[in-house]
Every structure is written in structure tokens, then in C-alpha cells.
Amino acid sequence: MAHSSSRQEDLAGHRGEIVTGGVQWMCAGRGIIHAEMPVCGPGIPDPQGLQLWIDLPKEHKMMEPTYQELGPSEIPSAFSEGPEGPIEIKVISGKSHSVDSPVHPQGSCWYFHIKFRKVGSMFQDIHEFNSIAHAISHTSAYIAVGWTAFIYTMKGNLIVNVGSSSLKEEPFHTLVLSSGQNETGVALPKMKLKLSSPNGLSIWAFR
């Protein structure tokens, strides 16, 4: 949840309110009746959030529905240049820079919320893994070869993989990452920022 909050409940008895910086992770499995309602009212900022639905692998489609809700303090942070560095990576699911999320969804999906607090850069490696367990156990920041991966920009500007044809990406754009045989990762390089409004983006990677 990027701003404000949203309430939710389902037929299995799960009920909660997702606040700013929080996450709801639900697996519908064989099916569930679910309702969600953004919290609105006088003096309350307009709710803003990101939602992603992913098709389950065949072997998990008839599993029991599951639900997990994490508050902002329960989502661990990774830092590509240390805690005092320019970049904070909220590890919503998966693993980055030796930080493992408490969320391990069925079907393999990694989700990072990356905050550029000031000028900085990071590199997300892409490696070949034998299994999701192998990927989770690795000690750095990796996306597995063969996964679909994309970036969604929320604030500020971003250049991906600096080169002669690189473009400055504006907010509210989806950037689908290529997966060529010789491509080893995605670079998010240094650039000028307005410190009063730090850059924000999300990276999703899923199998």
C-alpha cells in the first residue's frame, strides 16, 4: 500500500487493514470469496496501492486458500550500499542482498520495492538456478534466468542499463526486462534526484 489504507475480508474469516507500507499476500487456490474496500473520508489522503495477480502453477491450483498480511515493520529492508547508503530495497517476497522475506509464495514470485533516497545505483544479477530453493538460498540479489521480470516506476525518473540508446523513464511506466542469453542483470544507475521527492519503483520477477 503506497498511501492511506484499505480494509479486506474473506469467507475464510481473514480480516484486516493494510496501512501505508504494508502488504497483503493472498493465494485464492481452489477459490474464495473476497472483498476489499479502500478507506476514504474527509481529511484522509486518496488511497494508492499496487496489485498484481499471478496464475498459479498447475500443481497448486487446487490448494487451500491462504492469506498473509504484513505491516511496514514486518517487511525487511536490504541495502545495496549499506543502511546509510542511497538505496533501500523493501524485500516483499524473495531475497535481495542476503535479506530474505518472510513471504514465500507458491509458484515463485519475487517482489522488491526500491527507494532511491538520494543519488545512487544498484545492480540486480540474473543467474541460472536449478530450483526456487536454490535461488532463495543464494547470498546476493538475483533474478533467475527464464523468469518474467518487469519494473514499474512510481516517482522520479529512472535510466535502466545505461547505453547509447538508454531513455530516461518517467513515473507510471511499466518496463519489461529482456532475457537474452548473454544478459547478466539489470543496472539502475546514479542520476540526479529531487531529495524532497525520492524516486520509487517496484521490481517483480516470477516464473
N, C-alpha and C. Protein backbone atom coordinates (compact mmCIF):
# COMPACT_ATOMS: atom_id res chain seq x y z
N MET A 1 0.87 -1.18 0.00
CA MET A 1 0.00 0.00 0.00
C MET A 1 0.90 1.23 0.00
N ALA A 2 0.77 2.07 -1.03
CA ALA A 2 1.66 3.22 -1.15
C ALA A 2 1.22 4.39 -0.27
N HIS A 3 -0.09 4.63 -0.20
CA HIS A 3 -0.61 5.73 0.61
C HIS A 3 -1.96 5.33 1.19
N SER A 4 -2.27 5.84 2.36
CA SER A 4 -3.53 5.61 3.04
C SER A 4 -3.68 4.13 3.39
N SER A 5 -4.89 3.58 3.35
CA SER A 5 -5.09 2.20 3.78
C SER A 5 -6.29 1.58 3.07
N SER A 6 -6.41 0.27 3.19
CA SER A 6 -7.51 -0.46 2.57
C SER A 6 -7.89 -1.62 3.48
N ARG A 7 -9.17 -1.82 3.69
CA ARG A 7 -9.66 -2.94 4.50
C ARG A 7 -10.02 -4.11 3.61
N GLN A 8 -9.91 -5.31 4.15
CA GLN A 8 -10.25 -6.50 3.39
C GLN A 8 -10.80 -7.57 4.32
N GLU A 9 -11.60 -8.47 3.76
CA GLU A 9 -12.06 -9.65 4.48
C GLU A 9 -12.43 -10.71 3.47
N ASP A 10 -12.46 -11.98 3.92
CA ASP A 10 -12.84 -13.05 3.02
C ASP A 10 -13.68 -14.08 3.75
N LEU A 11 -14.20 -15.03 2.99
CA LEU A 11 -15.13 -16.02 3.53
C LEU A 11 -14.47 -16.97 4.52
N ALA A 12 -13.13 -17.06 4.49
CA ALA A 12 -12.42 -17.95 5.41
C ALA A 12 -12.21 -17.32 6.78
N GLY A 13 -12.67 -16.07 6.96
CA GLY A 13 -12.54 -15.41 8.26
C GLY A 13 -11.36 -14.48 8.38
N HIS A 14 -10.56 -14.35 7.33
CA HIS A 14 -9.44 -13.40 7.38
C HIS A 14 -9.99 -11.98 7.27
N ARG A 15 -9.49 -11.10 8.10
CA ARG A 15 -9.93 -9.70 8.08
C ARG A 15 -8.79 -8.82 8.55
N GLY A 16 -8.61 -7.69 7.89
CA GLY A 16 -7.53 -6.81 8.30
C GLY A 16 -7.57 -5.50 7.54
N GLU A 17 -6.64 -4.62 7.90
CA GLU A 17 -6.49 -3.33 7.23
C GLU A 17 -5.04 -3.15 6.82
N ILE A 18 -4.81 -2.96 5.54
CA ILE A 18 -3.46 -2.76 5.03
C ILE A 18 -3.15 -1.27 5.09
N VAL A 19 -2.12 -0.91 5.84
CA VAL A 19 -1.76 0.50 6.02
C VAL A 19 -0.62 0.87 5.08
N THR A 20 -0.28 2.15 5.04
CA THR A 20 0.80 2.63 4.18
C THR A 20 2.09 1.84 4.44
N GLY A 21 2.65 1.28 3.39
CA GLY A 21 3.87 0.48 3.53
C GLY A 21 3.61 -0.98 3.83
N GLY A 22 2.35 -1.36 4.01
CA GLY A 22 2.01 -2.74 4.32
C GLY A 22 1.67 -3.54 3.07
N VAL A 23 1.56 -4.86 3.26
CA VAL A 23 1.32 -5.78 2.14
C VAL A 23 0.29 -6.82 2.54
N GLN A 24 -0.59 -7.12 1.61
CA GLN A 24 -1.48 -8.27 1.74
C GLN A 24 -1.09 -9.28 0.68
N TRP A 25 -0.86 -10.54 1.09
CA TRP A 25 -0.48 -11.58 0.14
C TRP A 25 -1.49 -12.71 0.25
N MET A 26 -2.29 -12.88 -0.79
CA MET A 26 -3.36 -13.88 -0.77
C MET A 26 -3.19 -14.86 -1.91
N CYS A 27 -3.44 -16.12 -1.63
CA CYS A 27 -3.49 -17.15 -2.66
C CYS A 27 -4.92 -17.69 -2.70
N ALA A 28 -5.60 -17.46 -3.82
CA ALA A 28 -7.00 -17.86 -3.92
C ALA A 28 -7.16 -19.37 -4.03
N GLY A 29 -6.15 -20.06 -4.54
CA GLY A 29 -6.20 -21.52 -4.62
C GLY A 29 -7.44 -22.02 -5.34
N ARG A 30 -8.17 -22.94 -4.69
CA ARG A 30 -9.36 -23.52 -5.31
C ARG A 30 -10.53 -22.55 -5.36
N GLY A 31 -10.38 -21.39 -4.70
CA GLY A 31 -11.43 -20.36 -4.79
C GLY A 31 -11.84 -19.83 -3.43
N ILE A 32 -12.11 -18.53 -3.39
CA ILE A 32 -12.52 -17.90 -2.15
C ILE A 32 -13.28 -16.60 -2.48
N ILE A 33 -14.27 -16.26 -1.66
CA ILE A 33 -14.98 -15.00 -1.83
C ILE A 33 -14.26 -13.94 -1.01
N HIS A 34 -13.91 -12.86 -1.67
CA HIS A 34 -13.02 -11.86 -1.07
C HIS A 34 -13.54 -10.46 -1.36
N ALA A 35 -13.44 -9.56 -0.40
CA ALA A 35 -13.86 -8.17 -0.60
C ALA A 35 -12.78 -7.24 -0.07
N GLU A 36 -12.60 -6.13 -0.75
CA GLU A 36 -11.64 -5.12 -0.28
C GLU A 36 -12.23 -3.73 -0.50
N MET A 37 -11.96 -2.83 0.42
CA MET A 37 -12.54 -1.50 0.36
C MET A 37 -11.51 -0.47 0.79
N PRO A 38 -11.03 0.37 -0.13
CA PRO A 38 -10.12 1.46 0.26
C PRO A 38 -10.78 2.37 1.29
N VAL A 39 -10.00 2.82 2.26
CA VAL A 39 -10.51 3.69 3.31
C VAL A 39 -10.50 5.13 2.80
N CYS A 40 -11.68 5.74 2.75
CA CYS A 40 -11.83 7.11 2.24
C CYS A 40 -12.62 7.94 3.24
N GLY A 41 -12.44 9.24 3.19
CA GLY A 41 -13.17 10.13 4.07
C GLY A 41 -12.54 11.49 4.14
N PRO A 42 -13.22 12.45 4.81
CA PRO A 42 -12.67 13.80 4.94
C PRO A 42 -11.31 13.80 5.63
N GLY A 43 -10.35 14.48 5.02
CA GLY A 43 -9.02 14.58 5.62
C GLY A 43 -8.14 13.36 5.42
N ILE A 44 -8.65 12.32 4.75
CA ILE A 44 -7.87 11.10 4.52
C ILE A 44 -7.30 11.15 3.09
N PRO A 45 -5.99 10.99 2.92
CA PRO A 45 -5.41 11.01 1.56
C PRO A 45 -6.04 9.92 0.69
N ASP A 46 -6.13 10.20 -0.59
CA ASP A 46 -6.66 9.20 -1.52
C ASP A 46 -5.82 7.93 -1.46
N PRO A 47 -6.44 6.77 -1.30
CA PRO A 47 -5.67 5.52 -1.25
C PRO A 47 -4.97 5.24 -2.57
N GLN A 48 -3.71 4.80 -2.48
CA GLN A 48 -2.94 4.41 -3.66
C GLN A 48 -2.18 3.13 -3.32
N GLY A 49 -2.25 2.18 -4.22
CA GLY A 49 -1.55 0.92 -3.98
C GLY A 49 -1.30 0.20 -5.29
N LEU A 50 -0.53 -0.86 -5.22
CA LEU A 50 -0.23 -1.69 -6.38
C LEU A 50 -0.78 -3.09 -6.14
N GLN A 51 -1.36 -3.67 -7.18
CA GLN A 51 -1.93 -5.01 -7.06
C GLN A 51 -1.48 -5.85 -8.25
N LEU A 52 -1.06 -7.08 -7.97
CA LEU A 52 -0.59 -7.98 -9.01
C LEU A 52 -1.21 -9.36 -8.81
N TRP A 53 -1.80 -9.90 -9.87
CA TRP A 53 -2.37 -11.25 -9.84
C TRP A 53 -1.54 -12.14 -10.75
N ILE A 54 -1.17 -13.32 -10.24
CA ILE A 54 -0.33 -14.25 -10.98
C ILE A 54 -1.01 -15.62 -11.03
N ASP A 55 -1.00 -16.23 -12.20
CA ASP A 55 -1.58 -17.56 -12.38
C ASP A 55 -0.74 -18.60 -11.63
N LEU A 56 -1.39 -19.44 -10.85
CA LEU A 56 -0.67 -20.48 -10.12
C LEU A 56 -0.23 -21.60 -11.05
N PRO A 57 0.90 -22.24 -10.74
CA PRO A 57 1.28 -23.45 -11.49
C PRO A 57 0.20 -24.52 -11.35
N LYS A 58 0.14 -25.38 -12.32
CA LYS A 58 -0.91 -26.40 -12.37
C LYS A 58 -1.01 -27.20 -11.08
N GLU A 59 0.14 -27.53 -10.49
CA GLU A 59 0.14 -28.40 -9.31
C GLU A 59 -0.39 -27.71 -8.05
N HIS A 60 -0.55 -26.38 -8.10
CA HIS A 60 -1.02 -25.66 -6.92
C HIS A 60 -2.43 -25.07 -7.08
N LYS A 61 -3.05 -25.28 -8.23
CA LYS A 61 -4.32 -24.60 -8.50
C LYS A 61 -5.44 -25.00 -7.54
N MET A 62 -5.41 -26.20 -6.99
CA MET A 62 -6.50 -26.66 -6.12
C MET A 62 -6.09 -26.66 -4.65
N MET A 63 -5.07 -25.90 -4.29
CA MET A 63 -4.64 -25.82 -2.90
C MET A 63 -5.65 -25.01 -2.08
N GLU A 64 -5.59 -25.17 -0.77
CA GLU A 64 -6.42 -24.38 0.13
C GLU A 64 -6.01 -22.91 0.04
N PRO A 65 -6.97 -21.99 0.06
CA PRO A 65 -6.61 -20.56 0.03
C PRO A 65 -5.77 -20.18 1.25
N THR A 66 -4.85 -19.27 1.05
CA THR A 66 -4.01 -18.79 2.15
C THR A 66 -4.01 -17.26 2.14
N TYR A 67 -3.66 -16.70 3.28
CA TYR A 67 -3.66 -15.24 3.41
C TYR A 67 -2.54 -14.83 4.36
N GLN A 68 -1.84 -13.78 4.00
CA GLN A 68 -0.79 -13.25 4.86
C GLN A 68 -0.79 -11.73 4.77
N GLU A 69 -0.77 -11.07 5.91
CA GLU A 69 -0.75 -9.62 5.96
C GLU A 69 0.47 -9.16 6.75
N LEU A 70 1.25 -8.25 6.15
CA LEU A 70 2.46 -7.77 6.79
C LEU A 70 2.37 -6.25 6.96
N GLY A 71 2.66 -5.77 8.17
CA GLY A 71 2.76 -4.34 8.40
C GLY A 71 4.10 -3.83 7.92
N PRO A 72 4.28 -2.51 7.84
CA PRO A 72 5.54 -1.95 7.34
C PRO A 72 6.78 -2.45 8.09
N SER A 73 6.67 -2.62 9.40
CA SER A 73 7.83 -3.04 10.19
C SER A 73 8.16 -4.51 10.00
N GLU A 74 7.25 -5.28 9.41
CA GLU A 74 7.46 -6.72 9.21
C GLU A 74 8.09 -7.02 7.85
N ILE A 75 8.22 -6.03 6.99
CA ILE A 75 8.83 -6.22 5.68
C ILE A 75 10.30 -5.82 5.79
N PRO A 76 11.22 -6.76 5.66
CA PRO A 76 12.65 -6.43 5.86
C PRO A 76 13.21 -5.57 4.75
N SER A 77 14.27 -4.85 5.07
CA SER A 77 14.95 -3.98 4.10
C SER A 77 16.35 -4.50 3.81
N ALA A 78 16.75 -4.38 2.54
CA ALA A 78 18.13 -4.65 2.13
C ALA A 78 18.73 -3.34 1.64
N PHE A 79 20.06 -3.25 1.68
CA PHE A 79 20.73 -2.02 1.29
C PHE A 79 21.92 -2.37 0.40
N SER A 80 21.88 -1.89 -0.85
CA SER A 80 22.95 -2.24 -1.79
C SER A 80 24.27 -1.57 -1.42
N GLU A 81 24.22 -0.45 -0.66
CA GLU A 81 25.44 0.25 -0.25
C GLU A 81 25.42 0.53 1.26
N GLY A 82 24.79 -0.34 2.04
CA GLY A 82 24.76 -0.17 3.48
C GLY A 82 23.55 0.63 3.93
N PRO A 83 23.19 0.52 5.23
CA PRO A 83 22.00 1.19 5.77
C PRO A 83 22.01 2.70 5.60
N GLU A 84 23.21 3.32 5.56
CA GLU A 84 23.29 4.78 5.38
C GLU A 84 23.43 5.16 3.91
N GLY A 85 23.39 4.18 3.03
CA GLY A 85 23.55 4.44 1.60
C GLY A 85 22.30 5.01 0.96
N PRO A 86 22.34 5.24 -0.33
CA PRO A 86 21.25 5.94 -1.02
C PRO A 86 20.03 5.09 -1.35
N ILE A 87 20.16 3.77 -1.27
CA ILE A 87 19.09 2.91 -1.77
C ILE A 87 18.61 1.95 -0.67
N GLU A 88 17.30 1.89 -0.51
CA GLU A 88 16.67 0.91 0.38
C GLU A 88 15.80 0.00 -0.48
N ILE A 89 15.93 -1.31 -0.27
CA ILE A 89 15.17 -2.30 -1.02
C ILE A 89 14.25 -3.02 -0.04
N LYS A 90 12.96 -2.78 -0.12
CA LYS A 90 12.00 -3.50 0.70
C LYS A 90 11.75 -4.85 0.06
N VAL A 91 12.12 -5.91 0.76
CA VAL A 91 12.05 -7.26 0.20
C VAL A 91 10.68 -7.86 0.55
N ILE A 92 9.72 -7.61 -0.30
CA ILE A 92 8.35 -8.07 -0.03
C ILE A 92 8.25 -9.57 -0.20
N SER A 93 8.86 -10.11 -1.24
CA SER A 93 8.99 -11.57 -1.37
C SER A 93 10.29 -11.87 -2.09
N GLY A 94 10.83 -13.07 -1.83
CA GLY A 94 12.11 -13.44 -2.41
C GLY A 94 13.28 -13.03 -1.53
N LYS A 95 14.41 -12.73 -2.16
CA LYS A 95 15.64 -12.45 -1.42
C LYS A 95 16.48 -11.43 -2.19
N SER A 96 17.07 -10.49 -1.47
CA SER A 96 17.94 -9.49 -2.09
C SER A 96 19.03 -9.11 -1.12
N HIS A 97 20.28 -9.13 -1.59
CA HIS A 97 21.43 -8.71 -0.78
C HIS A 97 21.42 -9.38 0.59
N SER A 98 21.23 -10.71 0.57
CA SER A 98 21.27 -11.57 1.77
C SER A 98 20.08 -11.37 2.71
N VAL A 99 19.08 -10.60 2.31
CA VAL A 99 17.89 -10.39 3.13
C VAL A 99 16.74 -11.21 2.55
N ASP A 100 16.15 -12.06 3.38
CA ASP A 100 15.11 -12.99 2.95
C ASP A 100 13.75 -12.52 3.47
N SER A 101 12.76 -12.47 2.60
CA SER A 101 11.40 -12.08 3.01
C SER A 101 10.71 -13.22 3.76
N PRO A 102 9.81 -12.91 4.68
CA PRO A 102 9.02 -13.96 5.33
C PRO A 102 7.95 -14.53 4.41
N VAL A 103 7.75 -13.93 3.24
CA VAL A 103 6.76 -14.42 2.28
C VAL A 103 7.44 -15.32 1.25
N HIS A 104 6.95 -16.56 1.13
CA HIS A 104 7.45 -17.49 0.11
C HIS A 104 6.24 -18.05 -0.63
N PRO A 105 5.77 -17.34 -1.66
CA PRO A 105 4.54 -17.73 -2.32
C PRO A 105 4.66 -18.99 -3.17
N GLN A 106 3.54 -19.67 -3.35
CA GLN A 106 3.50 -20.80 -4.26
C GLN A 106 3.72 -20.29 -5.69
N GLY A 107 4.50 -21.02 -6.46
CA GLY A 107 4.68 -20.67 -7.85
C GLY A 107 5.85 -19.75 -8.14
N SER A 108 6.53 -19.27 -7.12
CA SER A 108 7.75 -18.47 -7.28
C SER A 108 7.46 -17.07 -7.80
N CYS A 109 7.53 -16.09 -6.93
CA CYS A 109 7.36 -14.70 -7.31
C CYS A 109 8.20 -13.85 -6.37
N TRP A 110 9.06 -13.02 -6.93
CA TRP A 110 9.86 -12.10 -6.13
C TRP A 110 9.36 -10.68 -6.38
N TYR A 111 9.31 -9.91 -5.32
CA TYR A 111 8.76 -8.56 -5.41
C TYR A 111 9.59 -7.64 -4.52
N PHE A 112 10.24 -6.64 -5.14
CA PHE A 112 11.06 -5.68 -4.42
C PHE A 112 10.51 -4.27 -4.62
N HIS A 113 10.41 -3.49 -3.55
CA HIS A 113 10.09 -2.07 -3.64
C HIS A 113 11.39 -1.32 -3.38
N ILE A 114 11.89 -0.62 -4.38
CA ILE A 114 13.20 0.02 -4.31
C ILE A 114 13.03 1.52 -4.17
N LYS A 115 13.65 2.09 -3.13
CA LYS A 115 13.55 3.51 -2.85
C LYS A 115 14.93 4.16 -3.01
N PHE A 116 15.02 5.12 -3.92
CA PHE A 116 16.23 5.91 -4.08
C PHE A 116 16.10 7.14 -3.19
N ARG A 117 16.79 7.15 -2.05
CA ARG A 117 16.68 8.26 -1.11
C ARG A 117 17.54 9.45 -1.54
N LYS A 118 18.55 9.18 -2.33
CA LYS A 118 19.39 10.21 -2.93
C LYS A 118 20.10 9.56 -4.11
N VAL A 119 21.01 10.28 -4.75
CA VAL A 119 21.70 9.75 -5.92
C VAL A 119 22.36 8.42 -5.58
N GLY A 120 22.13 7.40 -6.37
CA GLY A 120 22.71 6.08 -6.08
C GLY A 120 22.52 5.14 -7.26
N SER A 121 23.04 3.93 -7.12
CA SER A 121 22.90 2.93 -8.18
C SER A 121 22.91 1.54 -7.55
N MET A 122 22.35 0.60 -8.29
CA MET A 122 22.36 -0.80 -7.85
C MET A 122 22.36 -1.70 -9.08
N PHE A 123 22.71 -2.96 -8.86
CA PHE A 123 22.71 -3.95 -9.95
C PHE A 123 22.01 -5.19 -9.45
N GLN A 124 21.03 -5.66 -10.22
CA GLN A 124 20.31 -6.88 -9.89
C GLN A 124 20.77 -7.98 -10.83
N ASP A 125 21.48 -8.96 -10.30
CA ASP A 125 22.01 -10.05 -11.13
C ASP A 125 20.91 -10.98 -11.60
N ILE A 126 21.17 -11.63 -12.72
CA ILE A 126 20.31 -12.70 -13.23
C ILE A 126 21.17 -13.95 -13.33
N HIS A 127 20.74 -15.03 -12.68
CA HIS A 127 21.53 -16.26 -12.64
C HIS A 127 20.67 -17.47 -12.97
N GLU A 128 21.33 -18.53 -13.35
CA GLU A 128 20.64 -19.79 -13.62
C GLU A 128 20.53 -20.57 -12.31
N PHE A 129 19.30 -20.98 -11.96
CA PHE A 129 19.09 -21.75 -10.73
C PHE A 129 18.43 -23.08 -11.08
N ASN A 130 18.78 -24.10 -10.30
CA ASN A 130 18.16 -25.41 -10.50
C ASN A 130 16.75 -25.46 -9.95
N SER A 131 16.47 -24.61 -8.95
CA SER A 131 15.15 -24.61 -8.32
C SER A 131 14.96 -23.30 -7.58
N ILE A 132 13.72 -23.03 -7.17
CA ILE A 132 13.45 -21.83 -6.39
C ILE A 132 14.17 -21.91 -5.04
N ALA A 133 14.31 -23.13 -4.49
CA ALA A 133 15.03 -23.26 -3.22
C ALA A 133 16.48 -22.83 -3.37
N HIS A 134 17.08 -23.17 -4.52
CA HIS A 134 18.45 -22.75 -4.80
C HIS A 134 18.53 -21.24 -4.89
N ALA A 135 17.55 -20.62 -5.56
CA ALA A 135 17.53 -19.17 -5.70
C ALA A 135 17.38 -18.49 -4.34
N ILE A 136 16.47 -18.98 -3.51
CA ILE A 136 16.23 -18.37 -2.20
C ILE A 136 17.47 -18.48 -1.32
N SER A 137 18.23 -19.57 -1.47
CA SER A 137 19.36 -19.80 -0.59
C SER A 137 20.59 -19.00 -1.00
N HIS A 138 20.56 -18.36 -2.19
CA HIS A 138 21.73 -17.63 -2.64
C HIS A 138 21.94 -16.38 -1.78
N THR A 139 23.15 -15.85 -1.77
CA THR A 139 23.53 -14.83 -0.79
C THR A 139 23.54 -13.41 -1.33
N SER A 140 23.06 -13.18 -2.55
CA SER A 140 23.07 -11.81 -3.06
C SER A 140 21.71 -11.47 -3.65
N ALA A 141 21.67 -10.60 -4.64
CA ALA A 141 20.40 -10.15 -5.23
C ALA A 141 20.30 -10.72 -6.64
N TYR A 142 19.47 -11.71 -6.82
CA TYR A 142 19.40 -12.39 -8.10
C TYR A 142 17.96 -12.56 -8.57
N ILE A 143 17.80 -12.55 -9.90
CA ILE A 143 16.58 -12.99 -10.55
C ILE A 143 16.97 -14.19 -11.40
N ALA A 144 16.17 -15.25 -11.36
CA ALA A 144 16.52 -16.46 -12.08
C ALA A 144 16.30 -16.32 -13.58
N VAL A 145 17.21 -16.89 -14.37
CA VAL A 145 17.07 -16.92 -15.82
C VAL A 145 15.77 -17.64 -16.18
N GLY A 146 15.05 -17.09 -17.16
CA GLY A 146 13.82 -17.72 -17.60
C GLY A 146 12.58 -17.16 -16.94
N TRP A 147 12.75 -16.38 -15.88
CA TRP A 147 11.60 -15.75 -15.24
C TRP A 147 11.18 -14.52 -16.04
N THR A 148 9.91 -14.15 -15.93
CA THR A 148 9.44 -12.88 -16.45
C THR A 148 9.71 -11.81 -15.40
N ALA A 149 10.30 -10.69 -15.80
CA ALA A 149 10.63 -9.64 -14.84
C ALA A 149 10.29 -8.27 -15.44
N PHE A 150 9.76 -7.38 -14.59
CA PHE A 150 9.48 -6.03 -15.06
C PHE A 150 9.60 -5.05 -13.92
N ILE A 151 9.76 -3.77 -14.28
CA ILE A 151 9.87 -2.66 -13.34
C ILE A 151 8.67 -1.76 -13.52
N TYR A 152 8.12 -1.28 -12.42
CA TYR A 152 7.08 -0.25 -12.51
C TYR A 152 7.57 0.98 -11.75
N THR A 153 7.62 2.12 -12.45
CA THR A 153 8.13 3.35 -11.84
C THR A 153 6.99 4.13 -11.20
N MET A 154 7.23 4.65 -9.98
CA MET A 154 6.19 5.35 -9.24
C MET A 154 6.51 6.82 -9.01
N LYS A 155 7.79 7.15 -8.74
CA LYS A 155 8.19 8.53 -8.50
C LYS A 155 9.54 8.78 -9.15
N GLY A 156 9.77 10.04 -9.54
CA GLY A 156 11.06 10.41 -10.08
C GLY A 156 11.31 9.84 -11.46
N ASN A 157 12.57 9.85 -11.89
CA ASN A 157 12.97 9.35 -13.20
C ASN A 157 14.01 8.25 -13.03
N LEU A 158 14.11 7.41 -14.04
CA LEU A 158 14.99 6.24 -13.95
C LEU A 158 15.59 5.94 -15.31
N ILE A 159 16.88 5.57 -15.31
CA ILE A 159 17.52 5.03 -16.51
C ILE A 159 17.93 3.59 -16.20
N VAL A 160 17.57 2.67 -17.08
CA VAL A 160 17.88 1.26 -16.90
C VAL A 160 18.97 0.85 -17.88
N ASN A 161 20.06 0.25 -17.35
CA ASN A 161 21.15 -0.24 -18.20
C ASN A 161 21.66 0.86 -19.14
N VAL A 162 22.50 1.74 -18.61
CA VAL A 162 22.99 2.90 -19.36
C VAL A 162 23.68 2.46 -20.64
N GLY A 163 23.33 3.10 -21.75
CA GLY A 163 23.94 2.82 -23.04
C GLY A 163 23.56 3.92 -24.02
N SER A 164 23.98 3.75 -25.25
CA SER A 164 23.74 4.79 -26.25
C SER A 164 22.26 5.01 -26.52
N SER A 165 21.44 3.98 -26.31
CA SER A 165 20.01 4.09 -26.60
C SER A 165 19.16 4.19 -25.33
N SER A 166 19.78 4.42 -24.18
CA SER A 166 19.05 4.48 -22.92
C SER A 166 18.14 5.70 -22.88
N LEU A 167 16.97 5.51 -22.33
CA LEU A 167 15.99 6.58 -22.19
C LEU A 167 15.73 6.84 -20.72
N LYS A 168 15.41 8.08 -20.40
CA LYS A 168 15.00 8.41 -19.04
C LYS A 168 13.53 8.07 -18.89
N GLU A 169 13.23 7.14 -18.01
CA GLU A 169 11.86 6.68 -17.84
C GLU A 169 11.11 7.56 -16.85
N GLU A 170 9.87 7.90 -17.18
CA GLU A 170 9.03 8.74 -16.35
C GLU A 170 8.20 7.88 -15.39
N PRO A 171 7.56 8.51 -14.39
CA PRO A 171 6.69 7.76 -13.47
C PRO A 171 5.51 7.11 -14.19
N PHE A 172 5.01 6.06 -13.57
CA PHE A 172 3.82 5.34 -14.03
C PHE A 172 4.03 4.65 -15.36
N HIS A 173 5.22 4.07 -15.53
CA HIS A 173 5.52 3.27 -16.71
C HIS A 173 5.93 1.86 -16.29
N THR A 174 5.56 0.90 -17.12
CA THR A 174 5.97 -0.49 -16.92
C THR A 174 7.09 -0.82 -17.88
N LEU A 175 8.22 -1.28 -17.35
CA LEU A 175 9.40 -1.58 -18.15
C LEU A 175 9.63 -3.09 -18.11
N VAL A 176 9.32 -3.79 -19.18
CA VAL A 176 9.51 -5.24 -19.24
C VAL A 176 10.97 -5.51 -19.57
N LEU A 177 11.63 -6.31 -18.74
CA LEU A 177 13.05 -6.59 -18.91
C LEU A 177 13.26 -7.73 -19.90
N SER A 178 14.27 -7.58 -20.75
CA SER A 178 14.60 -8.64 -21.70
C SER A 178 15.34 -9.76 -20.98
N SER A 179 15.51 -10.87 -21.68
CA SER A 179 16.17 -12.02 -21.05
C SER A 179 17.07 -12.73 -22.05
N GLY A 180 17.95 -11.95 -22.71
CA GLY A 180 18.87 -12.54 -23.67
C GLY A 180 19.89 -13.45 -23.01
N GLN A 181 20.44 -14.35 -23.77
CA GLN A 181 21.34 -15.37 -23.24
C GLN A 181 22.56 -14.76 -22.56
N ASN A 182 23.06 -13.64 -23.10
CA ASN A 182 24.28 -13.04 -22.56
C ASN A 182 24.02 -11.88 -21.61
N GLU A 183 22.76 -11.65 -21.28
CA GLU A 183 22.43 -10.58 -20.35
C GLU A 183 22.51 -11.10 -18.92
N THR A 184 23.25 -10.39 -18.08
CA THR A 184 23.54 -10.89 -16.74
C THR A 184 22.80 -10.16 -15.63
N GLY A 185 22.00 -9.15 -15.97
CA GLY A 185 21.28 -8.45 -14.91
C GLY A 185 20.74 -7.12 -15.39
N VAL A 186 20.21 -6.36 -14.45
CA VAL A 186 19.67 -5.05 -14.76
C VAL A 186 20.35 -4.02 -13.86
N ALA A 187 20.85 -2.93 -14.47
CA ALA A 187 21.54 -1.88 -13.72
C ALA A 187 20.62 -0.68 -13.58
N LEU A 188 20.52 -0.18 -12.35
CA LEU A 188 19.77 1.04 -12.07
C LEU A 188 20.79 2.06 -11.59
N PRO A 189 21.25 2.97 -12.48
CA PRO A 189 22.43 3.79 -12.20
C PRO A 189 22.12 5.09 -11.49
N LYS A 190 23.21 5.79 -11.13
CA LYS A 190 23.12 7.09 -10.49
C LYS A 190 22.48 8.11 -11.43
N MET A 191 21.68 9.01 -10.83
CA MET A 191 21.13 10.13 -11.58
C MET A 191 20.68 11.19 -10.61
N LYS A 192 20.40 12.39 -11.11
CA LYS A 192 20.00 13.48 -10.25
C LYS A 192 18.58 13.27 -9.74
N LEU A 193 18.38 13.53 -8.44
CA LEU A 193 17.08 13.38 -7.82
C LEU A 193 16.70 14.65 -7.09
N LYS A 194 15.40 14.88 -6.96
CA LYS A 194 14.91 15.89 -6.05
C LYS A 194 14.73 15.23 -4.69
N LEU A 195 15.54 15.59 -3.73
CA LEU A 195 15.54 14.88 -2.46
C LEU A 195 14.23 15.03 -1.71
N SER A 196 13.43 16.08 -2.03
CA SER A 196 12.14 16.23 -1.37
C SER A 196 11.12 15.21 -1.88
N SER A 197 11.44 14.56 -2.99
CA SER A 197 10.54 13.56 -3.55
C SER A 197 11.36 12.41 -4.11
N PRO A 198 11.84 11.52 -3.24
CA PRO A 198 12.76 10.46 -3.67
C PRO A 198 12.13 9.51 -4.67
N ASN A 199 12.98 8.96 -5.53
CA ASN A 199 12.50 8.01 -6.52
C ASN A 199 11.94 6.76 -5.85
N GLY A 200 10.97 6.14 -6.51
CA GLY A 200 10.43 4.87 -6.03
C GLY A 200 10.06 4.00 -7.21
N LEU A 201 10.36 2.71 -7.10
CA LEU A 201 9.98 1.79 -8.16
C LEU A 201 9.82 0.41 -7.57
N SER A 202 9.14 -0.45 -8.31
CA SER A 202 8.98 -1.83 -7.89
C SER A 202 9.52 -2.75 -8.98
N ILE A 203 10.16 -3.84 -8.54
CA ILE A 203 10.58 -4.89 -9.48
C ILE A 203 9.81 -6.16 -9.12
N TRP A 204 9.14 -6.73 -10.12
CA TRP A 204 8.52 -8.04 -9.96
C TRP A 204 9.27 -9.04 -10.83
N ALA A 205 9.45 -10.25 -10.33
CA ALA A 205 10.01 -11.33 -11.13
C ALA A 205 9.26 -12.60 -10.74
N PHE A 206 8.77 -13.34 -11.74
CA PHE A 206 8.02 -14.54 -11.43
C PHE A 206 8.21 -15.58 -12.52
N ARG A 207 7.95 -16.84 -12.13
CA ARG A 207 8.17 -17.94 -13.05
C ARG A 207 6.84 -18.35 -13.66
